[in-house]
C-alpha atoms as a PDB file:
ATOM      1  CA  MET A   1      15.594 151.514   0.241  1.00  0.00           C
ATOM      2  CA  THR A   2      14.863 154.348   2.973  1.00  0.00           C
ATOM      3  CA  GLN A   3      17.892 155.950   4.115  1.00  0.00           C
ATOM      4  CA  ASN A   4      18.352 156.639   7.842  1.00  0.00           C
ATOM      5  CA  ILE A   5      20.423 160.079   8.363  1.00  0.00           C
ATOM      6  CA  PHE A   6      21.390 161.461  11.571  1.00  0.00           C
ATOM      7  CA  ILE A   7      22.421 165.329  11.327  1.00  0.00           C
ATOM      8  CA  THR A   8      23.475 167.417  14.172  1.00  0.00           C
ATOM      9  CA  GLY A   9      23.056 171.353  13.824  1.00  0.00           C
ATOM     10  CA  ALA A  10      19.739 170.424  12.236  1.00  0.00           C
ATOM     11  CA  SER A  11      17.716 173.560  13.876  1.00  0.00           C
ATOM     12  CA  SER A  12      19.441 176.079  11.248  1.00  0.00           C
ATOM     13  CA  GLY A  13      21.694 176.791   8.416  1.00  0.00           C
ATOM     14  CA  LEU A  14      23.674 174.013   6.590  1.00  0.00           C
ATOM     15  CA  GLY A  15      22.149 171.226   8.853  1.00  0.00           C
ATOM     16  CA  MET A  16      18.653 172.407   8.348  1.00  0.00           C
ATOM     17  CA  ALA A  17      19.043 172.556   4.491  1.00  0.00           C
ATOM     18  CA  LEU A  18      20.631 169.156   4.443  1.00  0.00           C
ATOM     19  CA  ALA A  19      17.634 167.746   6.287  1.00  0.00           C
ATOM     20  CA  ARG A  20      15.333 169.062   3.900  1.00  0.00           C
ATOM     21  CA  ARG A  21      16.970 167.914   1.322  1.00  0.00           C
ATOM     22  CA  TYR A  22      17.547 164.446   2.464  1.00  0.00           C
ATOM     23  CA  ALA A  23      13.730 164.283   3.646  1.00  0.00           C
ATOM     24  CA  ALA A  24      12.676 165.164   0.055  1.00  0.00           C
ATOM     25  CA  GLY A  25      14.244 162.109  -1.195  1.00  0.00           C
ATOM     26  CA  GLY A  26      12.620 159.966   1.479  1.00  0.00           C
ATOM     27  CA  ALA A  27      15.069 159.496   4.032  1.00  0.00           C
ATOM     28  CA  THR A  28      14.197 158.949   7.942  1.00  0.00           C
ATOM     29  CA  LEU A  29      16.092 161.484  10.069  1.00  0.00           C
ATOM     30  CA  GLY A  30      17.307 161.964  13.304  1.00  0.00           C
ATOM     31  CA  LEU A  31      17.364 165.653  13.816  1.00  0.00           C
ATOM     32  CA  VAL A  32      19.753 167.106  16.377  1.00  0.00           C
ATOM     33  CA  GLY A  33      19.798 170.748  17.874  1.00  0.00           C
ATOM     34  CA  ARG A  34      19.480 172.993  20.402  1.00  0.00           C
ATOM     35  CA  ARG A  35      16.298 174.753  20.001  1.00  0.00           C
ATOM     36  CA  ALA A  36      13.232 172.921  20.438  1.00  0.00           C
ATOM     37  CA  ASP A  37      11.074 175.233  18.462  1.00  0.00           C
ATOM     38  CA  ALA A  38      13.085 175.661  15.515  1.00  0.00           C
ATOM     39  CA  LEU A  39      13.863 171.838  15.480  1.00  0.00           C
ATOM     40  CA  ASN A  40      10.186 170.840  16.082  1.00  0.00           C
ATOM     41  CA  GLU A  41       8.830 172.970  13.273  1.00  0.00           C
ATOM     42  CA  LEU A  42      11.430 171.822  10.949  1.00  0.00           C
ATOM     43  CA  ALA A  43      10.065 168.047  11.645  1.00  0.00           C
ATOM     44  CA  ARG A  44       6.678 169.087  11.167  1.00  0.00           C
ATOM     45  CA  SER A  45       7.486 170.724   7.769  1.00  0.00           C
ATOM     46  CA  LEU A  46       9.101 167.638   6.621  1.00  0.00           C
ATOM     47  CA  PRO A  47       7.608 164.780   4.599  1.00  0.00           C
ATOM     48  CA  GLY A  48       7.691 161.463   6.609  1.00  0.00           C
ATOM     49  CA  ALA A  49       8.223 160.583  10.355  1.00  0.00           C
ATOM     50  CA  HIS A  50      11.497 161.966  12.092  1.00  0.00           C
ATOM     51  CA  GLN A  51      12.909 161.715  15.489  1.00  0.00           C
ATOM     52  CA  CYS A  52      13.985 165.188  17.113  1.00  0.00           C
ATOM     53  CA  TYR A  53      16.747 165.237  19.841  1.00  0.00           C
ATOM     54  CA  VAL A  54      16.891 168.476  21.643  1.00  0.00           C
ATOM     55  CA  LEU A  55      20.466 168.741  23.216  1.00  0.00           C
ATOM     56  CA  ASP A  56      23.829 170.739  22.988  1.00  0.00           C
ATOM     57  CA  VAL A  57      26.217 168.573  21.275  1.00  0.00           C
ATOM     58  CA  ARG A  58      28.775 169.523  23.819  1.00  0.00           C
ATOM     59  CA  ASP A  59      27.132 167.119  26.098  1.00  0.00           C
ATOM     60  CA  ARG A  60      28.567 164.007  25.201  1.00  0.00           C
ATOM     61  CA  ALA A  61      26.237 161.785  27.250  1.00  0.00           C
ATOM     62  CA  ALA A  62      23.161 163.337  25.894  1.00  0.00           C
ATOM     63  CA  LEU A  63      24.370 163.043  22.204  1.00  0.00           C
ATOM     64  CA  HIS A  64      25.369 159.529  22.839  1.00  0.00           C
ATOM     65  CA  GLU A  65      22.080 158.764  24.411  1.00  0.00           C
ATOM     66  CA  ALA A  66      20.221 160.352  21.223  1.00  0.00           C
ATOM     67  CA  ALA A  67      22.448 158.140  18.758  1.00  0.00           C
ATOM     68  CA  ARG A  68      22.064 155.245  20.669  1.00  0.00           C
ATOM     69  CA  ASP A  69      18.049 155.819  20.401  1.00  0.00           C
ATOM     70  CA  PHE A  70      18.525 156.471  16.785  1.00  0.00           C
ATOM     71  CA  ILE A  71      20.341 153.214  15.870  1.00  0.00           C
ATOM     72  CA  ALA A  72      17.794 151.154  17.907  1.00  0.00           C
ATOM     73  CA  ARG A  73      14.850 152.999  15.923  1.00  0.00           C
ATOM     74  CA  CYS A  74      16.921 152.105  12.584  1.00  0.00           C
ATOM     75  CA  ALA A  75      17.520 148.283  13.802  1.00  0.00           C
ATOM     76  CA  GLY A  76      21.304 149.156  13.635  1.00  0.00           C
ATOM     77  CA  LYS A  77      21.221 150.343   9.894  1.00  0.00           C
ATOM     78  CA  VAL A  78      22.497 153.958   9.830  1.00  0.00           C
ATOM     79  CA  ASP A  79      23.267 155.163   6.376  1.00  0.00           C
ATOM     80  CA  ALA A  80      24.928 158.516   7.230  1.00  0.00           C
ATOM     81  CA  VAL A  81      26.140 160.719  10.086  1.00  0.00           C
ATOM     82  CA  VAL A  82      26.400 164.242   9.499  1.00  0.00           C
ATOM     83  CA  ALA A  83      28.251 166.472  12.180  1.00  0.00           C
ATOM     84  CA  SER A  84      27.098 169.721  11.190  1.00  0.00           C
ATOM     85  CA  ALA A  85      26.730 171.604  14.344  1.00  0.00           C
ATOM     86  CA  GLY A  86      28.925 174.607  14.399  1.00  0.00           C
ATOM     87  CA  ILE A  87      29.717 177.892  16.106  1.00  0.00           C
ATOM     88  CA  SER A  88      31.799 180.857  14.891  1.00  0.00           C
ATOM     89  CA  ALA A  89      32.975 184.128  16.148  1.00  0.00           C
ATOM     90  CA  GLY A  90      35.926 186.345  15.795  1.00  0.00           C
ATOM     91  CA  THR A  91      38.716 186.121  18.649  1.00  0.00           C
ATOM     92  CA  LEU A  92      42.245 187.867  19.542  1.00  0.00           C
ATOM     93  CA  THR A  93      44.311 185.997  21.735  1.00  0.00           C
ATOM     94  CA  GLY A  94      45.373 189.280  23.496  1.00  0.00           C
ATOM     95  CA  HIS A  95      41.800 189.549  24.882  1.00  0.00           C
ATOM     96  CA  THR A  96      41.756 187.398  27.833  1.00  0.00           C
ATOM     97  CA  GLU A  97      37.936 187.179  27.961  1.00  0.00           C
ATOM     98  CA  ASP A  98      38.405 185.217  24.496  1.00  0.00           C
ATOM     99  CA  TYR A  99      39.721 182.216  25.762  1.00  0.00           C
ATOM    100  CA  ALA A 100      36.230 180.920  27.024  1.00  0.00           C
ATOM    101  CA  VAL A 101      35.415 181.478  23.060  1.00  0.00           C
ATOM    102  CA  PHE A 102      38.360 179.472  21.955  1.00  0.00           C
ATOM    103  CA  GLU A 103      36.962 176.737  24.670  1.00  0.00           C
ATOM    104  CA  ALA A 104      33.707 176.909  23.151  1.00  0.00           C
ATOM    105  CA  ILE A 105      34.376 176.887  19.550  1.00  0.00           C
ATOM    106  CA  PHE A 106      36.813 173.890  19.910  1.00  0.00           C
ATOM    107  CA  ALA A 107      34.259 172.141  22.191  1.00  0.00           C
ATOM    108  CA  THR A 108      31.434 172.403  19.548  1.00  0.00           C
ATOM    109  CA  ASN A 109      33.362 172.305  16.296  1.00  0.00           C
ATOM    110  CA  VAL A 110      36.090 169.588  16.648  1.00  0.00           C
ATOM    111  CA  LEU A 111      35.251 167.480  20.153  1.00  0.00           C
ATOM    112  CA  ALA A 112      31.558 167.478  19.303  1.00  0.00           C
ATOM    113  CA  THR A 113      32.413 165.943  15.875  1.00  0.00           C
ATOM    114  CA  MET A 114      34.118 163.244  17.208  1.00  0.00           C
ATOM    115  CA  ALA A 115      31.713 162.787  19.777  1.00  0.00           C
ATOM    116  CA  THR A 116      29.026 162.604  16.985  1.00  0.00           C
ATOM    117  CA  PHE A 117      30.822 159.808  15.030  1.00  0.00           C
ATOM    118  CA  GLU A 118      31.953 157.716  18.246  1.00  0.00           C
ATOM    119  CA  PRO A 119      28.606 155.854  18.833  1.00  0.00           C
ATOM    120  CA  PHE A 120      28.298 155.045  15.241  1.00  0.00           C
ATOM    121  CA  ILE A 121      31.148 153.505  14.340  1.00  0.00           C
ATOM    122  CA  GLU A 122      30.625 150.121  15.755  1.00  0.00           C
ATOM    123  CA  PRO A 123      27.275 149.396  14.578  1.00  0.00           C
ATOM    124  CA  MET A 124      28.722 150.824  11.126  1.00  0.00           C
ATOM    125  CA  ARG A 125      31.454 148.234  10.991  1.00  0.00           C
ATOM    126  CA  ALA A 126      28.845 145.650  11.945  1.00  0.00           C
ATOM    127  CA  THR A 127      27.207 146.199   8.626  1.00  0.00           C
ATOM    128  CA  ARG A 128      30.265 147.417   6.590  1.00  0.00           C
ATOM    129  CA  SER A 129      28.479 150.140   5.512  1.00  0.00           C
ATOM    130  CA  GLY A 130      27.732 154.174   6.229  1.00  0.00           C
ATOM    131  CA  LYS A 131      29.299 157.499   5.975  1.00  0.00           C
ATOM    132  CA  LEU A 132      30.527 159.770   8.763  1.00  0.00           C
ATOM    133  CA  VAL A 133      30.375 163.644   7.381  1.00  0.00           C
ATOM    134  CA  GLY A 134      32.350 166.153   8.779  1.00  0.00           C
ATOM    135  CA  ILE A 135      31.830 169.749   7.900  1.00  0.00           C
ATOM    136  CA  ALA A 136      34.913 171.888   7.543  1.00  0.00           C
ATOM    137  CA  SER A 137      35.467 175.262   6.129  1.00  0.00           C
ATOM    138  CA  VAL A 138      37.402 177.027   3.587  1.00  0.00           C
ATOM    139  CA  ALA A 139      38.367 179.221   6.569  1.00  0.00           C
ATOM    140  CA  GLY A 140      40.455 176.275   7.648  1.00  0.00           C
ATOM    141  CA  VAL A 141      42.973 176.021   4.494  1.00  0.00           C
ATOM    142  CA  ARG A 142      44.954 179.015   6.317  1.00  0.00           C
ATOM    143  CA  GLY A 143      45.198 181.027   9.192  1.00  0.00           C
ATOM    144  CA  LEU A 144      42.568 184.179   9.103  1.00  0.00           C
ATOM    145  CA  PRO A 145      43.454 187.252  11.159  1.00  0.00           C
ATOM    146  CA  GLY A 146      40.928 187.708  13.941  1.00  0.00           C
ATOM    147  CA  ALA A 147      39.403 184.271  13.606  1.00  0.00           C
ATOM    148  CA  GLY A 148      42.079 182.215  15.225  1.00  0.00           C
ATOM    149  CA  ALA A 149      39.718 179.946  16.873  1.00  0.00           C
ATOM    150  CA  TYR A 150      37.628 179.432  14.101  1.00  0.00           C
ATOM    151  CA  SER A 151      40.274 178.699  11.634  1.00  0.00           C
ATOM    152  CA  ALA A 152      42.206 176.362  13.644  1.00  0.00           C
ATOM    153  CA  SER A 153      38.987 174.512  14.756  1.00  0.00           C
ATOM    154  CA  LYS A 154      37.993 173.849  11.009  1.00  0.00           C
ATOM    155  CA  SER A 155      41.594 172.877   9.875  1.00  0.00           C
ATOM    156  CA  ALA A 156      41.415 170.296  12.862  1.00  0.00           C
ATOM    157  CA  VAL A 157      38.153 169.063  11.487  1.00  0.00           C
ATOM    158  CA  VAL A 158      39.999 168.287   8.099  1.00  0.00           C
ATOM    159  CA  THR A 159      42.944 166.691   9.631  1.00  0.00           C
ATOM    160  CA  TYR A 160      40.730 164.546  12.323  1.00  0.00           C
ATOM    161  CA  CYS A 161      38.621 163.312   9.257  1.00  0.00           C
ATOM    162  CA  GLU A 162      41.398 162.366   7.352  1.00  0.00           C
ATOM    163  CA  SER A 163      43.029 160.421  10.086  1.00  0.00           C
ATOM    164  CA  LEU A 164      39.601 158.731  10.656  1.00  0.00           C
ATOM    165  CA  ARG A 165      39.382 157.920   7.007  1.00  0.00           C
ATOM    166  CA  LEU A 166      42.798 155.974   7.156  1.00  0.00           C
ATOM    167  CA  GLU A 167      41.517 154.233  10.420  1.00  0.00           C
ATOM    168  CA  LEU A 168      38.369 152.942   8.871  1.00  0.00           C
ATOM    169  CA  ALA A 169      39.855 152.305   5.449  1.00  0.00           C
ATOM    170  CA  GLU A 170      39.593 148.697   5.546  1.00  0.00           C
ATOM    171  CA  SER A 171      35.981 148.602   7.626  1.00  0.00           C
ATOM    172  CA  GLY A 172      33.594 149.673   4.869  1.00  0.00           C
ATOM    173  CA  VAL A 173      32.805 153.046   6.592  1.00  0.00           C
ATOM    174  CA  GLN A 174      33.451 155.975   4.541  1.00  0.00           C
ATOM    175  CA  VAL A 175      34.590 159.255   6.000  1.00  0.00           C
ATOM    176  CA  VAL A 176      33.573 162.494   3.918  1.00  0.00           C
ATOM    177  CA  THR A 177      34.934 165.734   4.498  1.00  0.00           C
ATOM    178  CA  ILE A 178      32.514 168.565   3.187  1.00  0.00           C
ATOM    179  CA  THR A 179      34.429 172.392   3.032  1.00  0.00           C
ATOM    180  CA  PRO A 180      31.904 175.190   2.579  1.00  0.00           C
ATOM    181  CA  GLY A 181      32.879 178.290   1.308  1.00  0.00           C
ATOM    182  CA  TYR A 182      30.364 181.198   2.122  1.00  0.00           C
ATOM    183  CA  ILE A 183      27.108 180.104   2.500  1.00  0.00           C
ATOM    184  CA  LYS A 184      24.162 182.027   3.137  1.00  0.00           C
ATOM    185  CA  THR A 185      23.085 181.510   6.687  1.00  0.00           C
ATOM    186  CA  ALA A 186      22.460 183.135   9.853  1.00  0.00           C
ATOM    187  CA  MET A 187      26.393 182.395  10.753  1.00  0.00           C
ATOM    188  CA  THR A 188      27.460 184.259   7.716  1.00  0.00           C
ATOM    189  CA  ALA A 189      25.029 186.983   8.263  1.00  0.00           C
ATOM    190  CA  HIS A 190      27.386 188.633  10.806  1.00  0.00           C
ATOM    191  CA  ASN A 191      30.152 189.040   8.461  1.00  0.00           C
ATOM    192  CA  PRO A 192      30.562 192.772   7.805  1.00  0.00           C
ATOM    193  CA  TYR A 193      32.669 192.035   4.229  1.00  0.00           C
ATOM    194  CA  ARG A 194      32.333 191.123   0.888  1.00  0.00           C
ATOM    195  CA  MET A 195      31.768 186.903   0.446  1.00  0.00           C
ATOM    196  CA  PRO A 196      33.081 185.733  -2.897  1.00  0.00           C
ATOM    197  CA  PHE A 197      30.861 183.035  -4.482  1.00  0.00           C
ATOM    198  CA  LEU A 198      28.148 183.228  -1.642  1.00  0.00           C
ATOM    199  CA  MET A 199      25.858 180.325  -2.219  1.00  0.00           C
ATOM    200  CA  GLU A 200      22.441 179.638  -1.227  1.00  0.00           C
ATOM    201  CA  ALA A 201      21.872 176.949   1.798  1.00  0.00           C
ATOM    202  CA  ASP A 202      19.707 174.939  -0.531  1.00  0.00           C
ATOM    203  CA  ASP A 203      22.094 175.019  -3.446  1.00  0.00           C
ATOM    204  CA  PHE A 204      25.005 173.858  -1.106  1.00  0.00           C
ATOM    205  CA  ALA A 205      22.747 171.058   0.377  1.00  0.00           C
ATOM    206  CA  LEU A 206      22.336 169.565  -3.019  1.00  0.00           C
ATOM    207  CA  ARG A 207      25.774 169.434  -3.880  1.00  0.00           C
ATOM    208  CA  ALA A 208      26.744 168.210  -0.432  1.00  0.00           C
ATOM    209  CA  GLN A 209      24.326 165.240  -0.771  1.00  0.00           C
ATOM    210  CA  GLN A 210      25.667 164.634  -4.186  1.00  0.00           C
ATOM    211  CA  ALA A 211      29.278 164.392  -2.748  1.00  0.00           C
ATOM    212  CA  ILE A 212      28.005 162.396   0.213  1.00  0.00           C
ATOM    213  CA  ASP A 213      26.106 159.852  -1.981  1.00  0.00           C
ATOM    214  CA  ARG A 214      29.388 159.201  -3.817  1.00  0.00           C
ATOM    215  CA  GLY A 215      31.430 159.071  -0.965  1.00  0.00           C
ATOM    216  CA  ALA A 216      33.884 161.673  -2.034  1.00  0.00           C
ATOM    217  CA  SER A 217      36.541 161.911   0.643  1.00  0.00           C
ATOM    218  CA  TYR A 218      36.954 165.680   0.125  1.00  0.00           C
ATOM    219  CA  THR A 219      34.960 168.129  -1.327  1.00  0.00           C
ATOM    220  CA  VAL A 220      35.143 171.927  -1.520  1.00  0.00           C
ATOM    221  CA  ILE A 221      31.647 173.692  -2.337  1.00  0.00           C
ATOM    222  CA  PRO A 222      31.187 176.006  -4.130  1.00  0.00           C
ATOM    223  CA  TRP A 223      34.045 174.520  -6.603  1.00  0.00           C
ATOM    224  CA  GLN A 224      35.230 178.104  -7.121  1.00  0.00           C
ATOM    225  CA  MET A 225      36.279 178.226  -3.629  1.00  0.00           C
ATOM    226  CA  GLY A 226      38.287 174.924  -4.166  1.00  0.00           C
ATOM    227  CA  VAL A 227      40.467 176.612  -6.700  1.00  0.00           C
ATOM    228  CA  VAL A 228      40.838 179.586  -4.245  1.00  0.00           C
ATOM    229  CA  ALA A 229      41.727 177.239  -1.578  1.00  0.00           C
ATOM    230  CA  LYS A 230      44.383 175.555  -3.629  1.00  0.00           C
ATOM    231  CA  LEU A 231      45.926 178.879  -4.345  1.00  0.00           C
ATOM    232  CA  MET A 232      45.932 179.842  -0.884  1.00  0.00           C
ATOM    233  CA  ARG A 233      47.717 176.799   0.145  1.00  0.00           C
ATOM    234  CA  LEU A 234      50.523 177.412  -2.642  1.00  0.00           C
ATOM    235  CA  LEU A 235      51.130 180.737  -1.434  1.00  0.00           C
ATOM    236  CA  PRO A 236      54.596 181.596   0.206  1.00  0.00           C
ATOM    237  CA  ASN A 237      54.185 182.947   3.737  1.00  0.00           C
ATOM    238  CA  ALA A 238      55.613 186.010   2.804  1.00  0.00           C
ATOM    239  CA  VAL A 239      52.943 186.673   0.233  1.00  0.00           C
ATOM    240  CA  TYR A 240      49.871 185.475   2.148  1.00  0.00           C
ATOM    241  CA  ASP A 241      51.263 187.829   5.067  1.00  0.00           C
ATOM    242  CA  ARG A 242      51.043 190.620   2.762  1.00  0.00           C
ATOM    243  CA  LEU A 243      47.443 189.646   1.286  1.00  0.00           C
ATOM    244  CA  ALA A 244      45.897 188.655   4.580  1.00  0.00           C
ATOM    245  CA  ARG A 245      47.297 191.345   7.155  1.00  0.00           C
ATOM    246  CA  ASN A 246      44.648 193.746   6.337  1.00  0.00           C
ATOM    247  CA  ALA A 247      41.646 191.311   5.456  1.00  0.00           C
ATOM    248  CA  PRO A 248      38.338 192.008   6.979  1.00  0.00           C
ATOM    249  CA  ARG A 249      37.974 190.226  10.349  1.00  0.00           C
ATOM    250  CA  LYS A 250      34.907 188.350  11.768  1.00  0.00           C
ATOM    251  CA  PRO A 251      33.077 190.165  14.703  1.00  0.00           C
ATOM    252  CA  ARG A 252      34.043 189.410  18.255  1.00  0.00           C
ATOM    253  CA  ARG A 253      30.484 188.140  18.727  1.00  0.00           C
ATOM    254  CA  PRO A 254      29.363 184.479  18.526  1.00  0.00           C
ATOM    255  CA  GLY A 255      27.073 183.182  15.434  1.00  0.00           C
ATOM    256  CA  SER A 256      25.885 179.634  15.424  1.00  0.00           C
ATOM    257  CA  GLU A 257      24.366 176.771  13.478  1.00  0.00           C
ATOM    258  CA  GLY A 258      22.175 174.321  15.150  1.00  0.00           C
END
């Protein structure tokens, strides 16, 4: 049976890689992104017919309109919703101009994830099926110097998705949290430091699809970064502070996906 998949952040990065992966398997896609040219080019390159929605995920009304249209086209049966849109930038609280960057990162990475899921919950409850997929980051495991907004936003995605998973536990709707390490995308291209276990986006998409299809509640990709994440959680603050104090920092300029 053909799957119906709704993906935000589809005009670049992880969202685009997941779109290619699902389309190759015969899925029908709702593709959301800000850049019409990239989104339409992606749709033309994919097998099958797909629906494009050019919008900024921070526009909740436009996002909900797109969701309602896709739900109607799928006769109410949506198999998965992937909230992949995200932005990243280095931030320093002492720089007053970075407040606007904090706002943009939280609006895109956290509030838009909730707004993406919101219109699909009742249709999924009605069919007692479907998966809501949040894209977090290993950067959300512990706070990183110079990345307060991004780290906090991705930590929020993890705890939000966990809360939602518990809320929907008896509904038949599954909530999946995917936590990437370093994946080769336009976003990580701005990082001026070594990125351990750097993975190609297509390889990430394969492993993410496998995790989504099996309904895994929480998955770190690649697995090696899962080991790193567990070790980071176990470190006492004094030890972690010494290790992280002089860690390389994300540039104070925005990079984005979708």
